[in-house]
Amino acid sequence: IAENSPGLPVLGFLPEDPGVREADRS
């Protein structure tokens, strides 16, 4: 992401988390 940014500063990152899918399902 950082190396291929279209000239934008990277604010940060959000991790992949299976808990998101669990939350949506429940």
PDB file of all heavy atoms in Angstrom:
ATOM      1  N   ILE A   1       0.835  -1.201   0.000  1.00  0.00           N
ATOM      2  CA  ILE A   1       0.000   0.000   0.000  1.00  0.00           C
ATOM      3  C   ILE A   1       0.872   1.255   0.000  1.00  0.00           C
ATOM      4  O   ILE A   1       0.656   2.172  -0.794  1.00  0.00           O
ATOM      5  CB  ILE A   1      -0.981  -0.014   1.189  1.00  0.00           C
ATOM      6  CG1 ILE A   1      -2.037  -1.108   0.979  1.00  0.00           C
ATOM      7  CG2 ILE A   1      -1.637   1.353   1.374  1.00  0.00           C
ATOM      8  CD1 ILE A   1      -2.888  -1.408   2.194  1.00  0.00           C
ATOM      9  N   ALA A   2       1.856   1.289   0.868  1.00  0.00           N
ATOM     10  CA  ALA A   2       2.720   2.469   0.965  1.00  0.00           C
ATOM     11  C   ALA A   2       3.488   2.714  -0.333  1.00  0.00           C
ATOM     12  O   ALA A   2       3.590   3.852  -0.802  1.00  0.00           O
ATOM     13  CB  ALA A   2       3.678   2.316   2.138  1.00  0.00           C
ATOM     14  N   GLU A   3       4.007   1.660  -0.926  1.00  0.00           N
ATOM     15  CA  GLU A   3       4.810   1.789  -2.141  1.00  0.00           C
ATOM     16  C   GLU A   3       3.976   2.122  -3.369  1.00  0.00           C
ATOM     17  O   GLU A   3       4.497   2.676  -4.338  1.00  0.00           O
ATOM     18  CB  GLU A   3       5.599   0.503  -2.387  1.00  0.00           C
ATOM     19  CG  GLU A   3       6.685   0.265  -1.349  1.00  0.00           C
ATOM     20  CD  GLU A   3       7.257  -1.143  -1.390  1.00  0.00           C
ATOM     21  OE1 GLU A   3       6.914  -1.921  -2.309  1.00  0.00           O
ATOM     22  OE2 GLU A   3       8.032  -1.476  -0.478  1.00  0.00           O
ATOM     23  N   ASN A   4       2.702   1.797  -3.350  1.00  0.00           N
ATOM     24  CA  ASN A   4       1.842   2.009  -4.519  1.00  0.00           C
ATOM     25  C   ASN A   4       0.795   3.089  -4.294  1.00  0.00           C
ATOM     26  O   ASN A   4      -0.147   3.214  -5.078  1.00  0.00           O
ATOM     27  CB  ASN A   4       1.185   0.691  -4.918  1.00  0.00           C
ATOM     28  CG  ASN A   4       2.208  -0.296  -5.424  1.00  0.00           C
ATOM     29  OD1 ASN A   4       2.694  -0.194  -6.535  1.00  0.00           O
ATOM     30  ND2 ASN A   4       2.586  -1.245  -4.569  1.00  0.00           N
ATOM     31  N   SER A   5       0.959   3.851  -3.233  1.00  0.00           N
ATOM     32  CA  SER A   5       0.036   4.950  -2.964  1.00  0.00           C
ATOM     33  C   SER A   5       0.047   5.919  -4.136  1.00  0.00           C
ATOM     34  O   SER A   5       1.109   6.241  -4.669  1.00  0.00           O
ATOM     35  CB  SER A   5       0.455   5.690  -1.691  1.00  0.00           C
ATOM     36  OG  SER A   5      -0.260   6.900  -1.583  1.00  0.00           O
ATOM     37  N   PRO A   6      -1.121   6.421  -4.532  1.00  0.00           N
ATOM     38  CA  PRO A   6      -1.170   7.391  -5.627  1.00  0.00           C
ATOM     39  C   PRO A   6      -0.820   8.808  -5.149  1.00  0.00           C
ATOM     40  O   PRO A   6      -1.556   9.762  -5.395  1.00  0.00           O
ATOM     41  CB  PRO A   6      -2.617   7.285  -6.115  1.00  0.00           C
ATOM     42  CG  PRO A   6      -3.397   6.900  -4.909  1.00  0.00           C
ATOM     43  CD  PRO A   6      -2.462   6.010  -4.103  1.00  0.00           C
ATOM     44  N   GLY A   7       0.297   8.912  -4.453  1.00  0.00           N
ATOM     45  CA  GLY A   7       0.737  10.227  -3.988  1.00  0.00           C
ATOM     46  C   GLY A   7      -0.013  10.739  -2.776  1.00  0.00           C
ATOM     47  O   GLY A   7      -0.092  11.945  -2.555  1.00  0.00           O
ATOM     48  N   LEU A   8      -0.539   9.828  -1.983  1.00  0.00           N
ATOM     49  CA  LEU A   8      -1.269  10.198  -0.776  1.00  0.00           C
ATOM     50  C   LEU A   8      -0.514   9.734   0.459  1.00  0.00           C
ATOM     51  O   LEU A   8       0.040   8.628   0.466  1.00  0.00           O
ATOM     52  CB  LEU A   8      -2.659   9.557  -0.767  1.00  0.00           C
ATOM     53  CG  LEU A   8      -3.618  10.021  -1.848  1.00  0.00           C
ATOM     54  CD1 LEU A   8      -4.827   9.109  -1.894  1.00  0.00           C
ATOM     55  CD2 LEU A   8      -4.041  11.451  -1.595  1.00  0.00           C
ATOM     56  N   PRO A   9      -0.514  10.530   1.521  1.00  0.00           N
ATOM     57  CA  PRO A   9       0.093  10.050   2.761  1.00  0.00           C
ATOM     58  C   PRO A   9      -0.759   8.938   3.359  1.00  0.00           C
ATOM     59  O   PRO A   9      -1.993   9.002   3.344  1.00  0.00           O
ATOM     60  CB  PRO A   9       0.098  11.288   3.658  1.00  0.00           C
ATOM     61  CG  PRO A   9      -0.949  12.191   3.110  1.00  0.00           C
ATOM     62  CD  PRO A   9      -1.042  11.892   1.645  1.00  0.00           C
ATOM     63  N   VAL A  10      -0.092   7.914   3.863  1.00  0.00           N
ATOM     64  CA  VAL A  10      -0.793   6.792   4.492  1.00  0.00           C
ATOM     65  C   VAL A  10      -1.016   7.141   5.958  1.00  0.00           C
ATOM     66  O   VAL A  10      -0.075   7.350   6.706  1.00  0.00           O
ATOM     67  CB  VAL A  10       0.006   5.480   4.354  1.00  0.00           C
ATOM     68  CG1 VAL A  10      -0.728   4.334   5.053  1.00  0.00           C
ATOM     69  CG2 VAL A  10       0.234   5.154   2.883  1.00  0.00           C
ATOM     70  N   LEU A  11      -2.280   7.213   6.344  1.00  0.00           N
ATOM     71  CA  LEU A  11      -2.630   7.544   7.723  1.00  0.00           C
ATOM     72  C   LEU A  11      -2.390   6.361   8.650  1.00  0.00           C
ATOM     73  O   LEU A  11      -1.963   6.522   9.786  1.00  0.00           O
ATOM     74  CB  LEU A  11      -4.096   7.993   7.798  1.00  0.00           C
ATOM     75  CG  LEU A  11      -4.581   8.507   9.129  1.00  0.00           C
ATOM     76  CD1 LEU A  11      -3.881   9.820   9.482  1.00  0.00           C
ATOM     77  CD2 LEU A  11      -6.089   8.723   9.094  1.00  0.00           C
ATOM     78  N   GLY A  12      -2.662   5.159   8.165  1.00  0.00           N
ATOM     79  CA  GLY A  12      -2.482   3.966   8.979  1.00  0.00           C
ATOM     80  C   GLY A  12      -3.145   2.770   8.344  1.00  0.00           C
ATOM     81  O   GLY A  12      -3.568   2.810   7.185  1.00  0.00           O
ATOM     82  N   PHE A  13      -3.249   1.705   9.128  1.00  0.00           N
ATOM     83  CA  PHE A  13      -3.740   0.434   8.609  1.00  0.00           C
ATOM     84  C   PHE A  13      -4.747  -0.191   9.568  1.00  0.00           C
ATOM     85  O   PHE A  13      -4.606  -0.078  10.789  1.00  0.00           O
ATOM     86  CB  PHE A  13      -2.571  -0.539   8.414  1.00  0.00           C
ATOM     87  CG  PHE A  13      -1.518  -0.007   7.487  1.00  0.00           C
ATOM     88  CD1 PHE A  13      -0.376   0.586   7.997  1.00  0.00           C
ATOM     89  CD2 PHE A  13      -1.681  -0.084   6.117  1.00  0.00           C
ATOM     90  CE1 PHE A  13       0.603   1.082   7.155  1.00  0.00           C
ATOM     91  CE2 PHE A  13      -0.710   0.417   5.256  1.00  0.00           C
ATOM     92  CZ  PHE A  13       0.434   1.003   5.776  1.00  0.00           C
ATOM     93  N   LEU A  14      -5.717  -0.876   9.000  1.00  0.00           N
ATOM     94  CA  LEU A  14      -6.696  -1.642   9.765  1.00  0.00           C
ATOM     95  C   LEU A  14      -6.481  -3.119   9.445  1.00  0.00           C
ATOM     96  O   LEU A  14      -6.429  -3.494   8.269  1.00  0.00           O
ATOM     97  CB  LEU A  14      -8.121  -1.229   9.385  1.00  0.00           C
ATOM     98  CG  LEU A  14      -8.485   0.217   9.681  1.00  0.00           C
ATOM     99  CD1 LEU A  14      -9.822   0.572   9.041  1.00  0.00           C
ATOM    100  CD2 LEU A  14      -8.519   0.467  11.177  1.00  0.00           C
ATOM    101  N   PRO A  15      -6.349  -3.962  10.460  1.00  0.00           N
ATOM    102  CA  PRO A  15      -6.038  -5.370  10.205  1.00  0.00           C
ATOM    103  C   PRO A  15      -7.240  -6.155   9.699  1.00  0.00           C
ATOM    104  O   PRO A  15      -8.395  -5.835   9.993  1.00  0.00           O
ATOM    105  CB  PRO A  15      -5.610  -5.873  11.585  1.00  0.00           C
ATOM    106  CG  PRO A  15      -6.373  -5.025  12.541  1.00  0.00           C
ATOM    107  CD  PRO A  15      -6.440  -3.663  11.894  1.00  0.00           C
ATOM    108  N   GLU A  16      -6.932  -7.187   8.939  1.00  0.00           N
ATOM    109  CA  GLU A  16      -7.937  -8.196   8.575  1.00  0.00           C
ATOM    110  C   GLU A  16      -8.295  -8.908   9.872  1.00  0.00           C
ATOM    111  O   GLU A  16      -7.399  -9.297  10.637  1.00  0.00           O
ATOM    112  CB  GLU A  16      -7.363  -9.177   7.562  1.00  0.00           C
ATOM    113  CG  GLU A  16      -8.246 -10.350   7.249  1.00  0.00           C
ATOM    114  CD  GLU A  16      -9.423  -9.980   6.362  1.00  0.00           C
ATOM    115  OE1 GLU A  16      -9.316  -9.020   5.585  1.00  0.00           O
ATOM    116  OE2 GLU A  16     -10.450 -10.657   6.448  1.00  0.00           O
ATOM    117  N   ASP A  17      -9.566  -9.064  10.157  1.00  0.00           N
ATOM    118  CA  ASP A  17      -9.963  -9.681  11.417  1.00  0.00           C
ATOM    119  C   ASP A  17     -11.233 -10.488  11.208  1.00  0.00           C
ATOM    120  O   ASP A  17     -12.269  -9.925  10.833  1.00  0.00           O
ATOM    121  CB  ASP A  17     -10.190  -8.598  12.473  1.00  0.00           C
ATOM    122  CG  ASP A  17     -10.291  -9.164  13.876  1.00  0.00           C
ATOM    123  OD1 ASP A  17     -10.957 -10.198  14.070  1.00  0.00           O
ATOM    124  OD2 ASP A  17      -9.706  -8.553  14.781  1.00  0.00           O
ATOM    125  N   PRO A  18     -11.181 -11.805  11.422  1.00  0.00           N
ATOM    126  CA  PRO A  18     -12.381 -12.628  11.243  1.00  0.00           C
ATOM    127  C   PRO A  18     -13.503 -12.246  12.202  1.00  0.00           C
ATOM    128  O   PRO A  18     -14.661 -12.583  11.981  1.00  0.00           O
ATOM    129  CB  PRO A  18     -11.890 -14.054  11.497  1.00  0.00           C
ATOM    130  CG  PRO A  18     -10.579 -13.923  12.169  1.00  0.00           C
ATOM    131  CD  PRO A  18     -10.024 -12.584  11.830  1.00  0.00           C
ATOM    132  N   GLY A  19     -13.185 -11.517  13.256  1.00  0.00           N
ATOM    133  CA  GLY A  19     -14.223 -11.064  14.184  1.00  0.00           C
ATOM    134  C   GLY A  19     -15.229 -10.145  13.534  1.00  0.00           C
ATOM    135  O   GLY A  19     -16.374 -10.050  13.987  1.00  0.00           O
ATOM    136  N   VAL A  20     -14.843  -9.471  12.449  1.00  0.00           N
ATOM    137  CA  VAL A  20     -15.776  -8.585  11.738  1.00  0.00           C
ATOM    138  C   VAL A  20     -16.896  -9.409  11.109  1.00  0.00           C
ATOM    139  O   VAL A  20     -18.075  -9.066  11.214  1.00  0.00           O
ATOM    140  CB  VAL A  20     -15.037  -7.751  10.670  1.00  0.00           C
ATOM    141  CG1 VAL A  20     -16.013  -6.955   9.828  1.00  0.00           C
ATOM    142  CG2 VAL A  20     -14.011  -6.837  11.331  1.00  0.00           C
ATOM    143  N   ARG A  21     -16.529 -10.504  10.482  1.00  0.00           N
ATOM    144  CA  ARG A  21     -17.536 -11.380   9.868  1.00  0.00           C
ATOM    145  C   ARG A  21     -18.444 -11.985  10.941  1.00  0.00           C
ATOM    146  O   ARG A  21     -19.665 -12.042  10.785  1.00  0.00           O
ATOM    147  CB  ARG A  21     -16.853 -12.480   9.065  1.00  0.00           C
ATOM    148  CG  ARG A  21     -17.861 -13.350   8.312  1.00  0.00           C
ATOM    149  CD  ARG A  21     -17.201 -14.371   7.402  1.00  0.00           C
ATOM    150  NE  ARG A  21     -16.415 -13.662   6.398  1.00  0.00           N
ATOM    151  CZ  ARG A  21     -15.178 -14.018   6.038  1.00  0.00           C
ATOM    152  NH1 ARG A  21     -14.593 -15.059   6.559  1.00  0.00           N
ATOM    153  NH2 ARG A  21     -14.531 -13.342   5.125  1.00  0.00           N
ATOM    154  N   GLU A  22     -17.838 -12.386  12.055  1.00  0.00           N
ATOM    155  CA  GLU A  22     -18.626 -12.937  13.156  1.00  0.00           C
ATOM    156  C   GLU A  22     -19.624 -11.906  13.678  1.00  0.00           C
ATOM    157  O   GLU A  22     -20.779 -12.228  13.950  1.00  0.00           O
ATOM    158  CB  GLU A  22     -17.707 -13.367  14.301  1.00  0.00           C
ATOM    159  CG  GLU A  22     -16.830 -14.544  13.986  1.00  0.00           C
ATOM    160  CD  GLU A  22     -15.803 -14.800  15.075  1.00  0.00           C
ATOM    161  OE1 GLU A  22     -16.075 -14.462  16.252  1.00  0.00           O
ATOM    162  OE2 GLU A  22     -14.732 -15.337  14.754  1.00  0.00           O
ATOM    163  N   ALA A  23     -19.169 -10.672  13.811  1.00  0.00           N
ATOM    164  CA  ALA A  23     -20.042  -9.600  14.302  1.00  0.00           C
ATOM    165  C   ALA A  23     -21.207  -9.388  13.360  1.00  0.00           C
ATOM    166  O   ALA A  23     -22.352  -9.241  13.786  1.00  0.00           O
ATOM    167  CB  ALA A  23     -19.245  -8.311  14.472  1.00  0.00           C
ATOM    168  N   ASP A  24     -20.921  -9.359  12.066  1.00  0.00           N
ATOM    169  CA  ASP A  24     -21.977  -9.129  11.090  1.00  0.00           C
ATOM    170  C   ASP A  24     -23.010 -10.259  11.122  1.00  0.00           C
ATOM    171  O   ASP A  24     -24.214 -10.007  11.079  1.00  0.00           O
ATOM    172  CB  ASP A  24     -21.369  -8.989   9.697  1.00  0.00           C
ATOM    173  CG  ASP A  24     -22.407  -8.606   8.667  1.00  0.00           C
ATOM    174  OD1 ASP A  24     -23.079  -7.574   8.853  1.00  0.00           O
ATOM    175  OD2 ASP A  24     -22.563  -9.353   7.687  1.00  0.00           O
ATOM    176  N   ARG A  25     -22.531 -11.459  11.222  1.00  0.00           N
ATOM    177  CA  ARG A  25     -23.448 -12.604  11.228  1.00  0.00           C
ATOM    178  C   ARG A  25     -24.313 -12.660  12.480  1.00  0.00           C
ATOM    179  O   ARG A  25     -25.454 -13.094  12.444  1.00  0.00           O
ATOM    180  CB  ARG A  25     -22.664 -13.903  11.089  1.00  0.00           C
ATOM    181  CG  ARG A  25     -22.082 -14.074   9.713  1.00  0.00           C
ATOM    182  CD  ARG A  25     -21.264 -15.333   9.601  1.00  0.00           C
ATOM    183  NE  ARG A  25     -20.752 -15.478   8.243  1.00  0.00           N
ATOM    184  CZ  ARG A  25     -19.881 -16.390   7.881  1.00  0.00           C
ATOM    185  NH1 ARG A  25     -19.428 -17.259   8.771  1.00  0.00           N
ATOM    186  NH2 ARG A  25     -19.456 -16.458   6.644  1.00  0.00           N
ATOM    187  N   SER A  26     -23.751 -12.213  13.594  1.00  0.00           N
ATOM    188  CA  SER A  26     -24.491 -12.283  14.859  1.00  0.00           C
ATOM    189  C   SER A  26     -25.198 -10.977  15.211  1.00  0.00           C
ATOM    190  O   SER A  26     -25.908 -10.915  16.215  1.00  0.00           O
ATOM    191  CB  SER A  26     -23.543 -12.675  15.993  1.00  0.00           C
ATOM    192  OG  SER A  26     -22.595 -11.644  16.204  1.00  0.00           O
TER     193      SER A  26
END
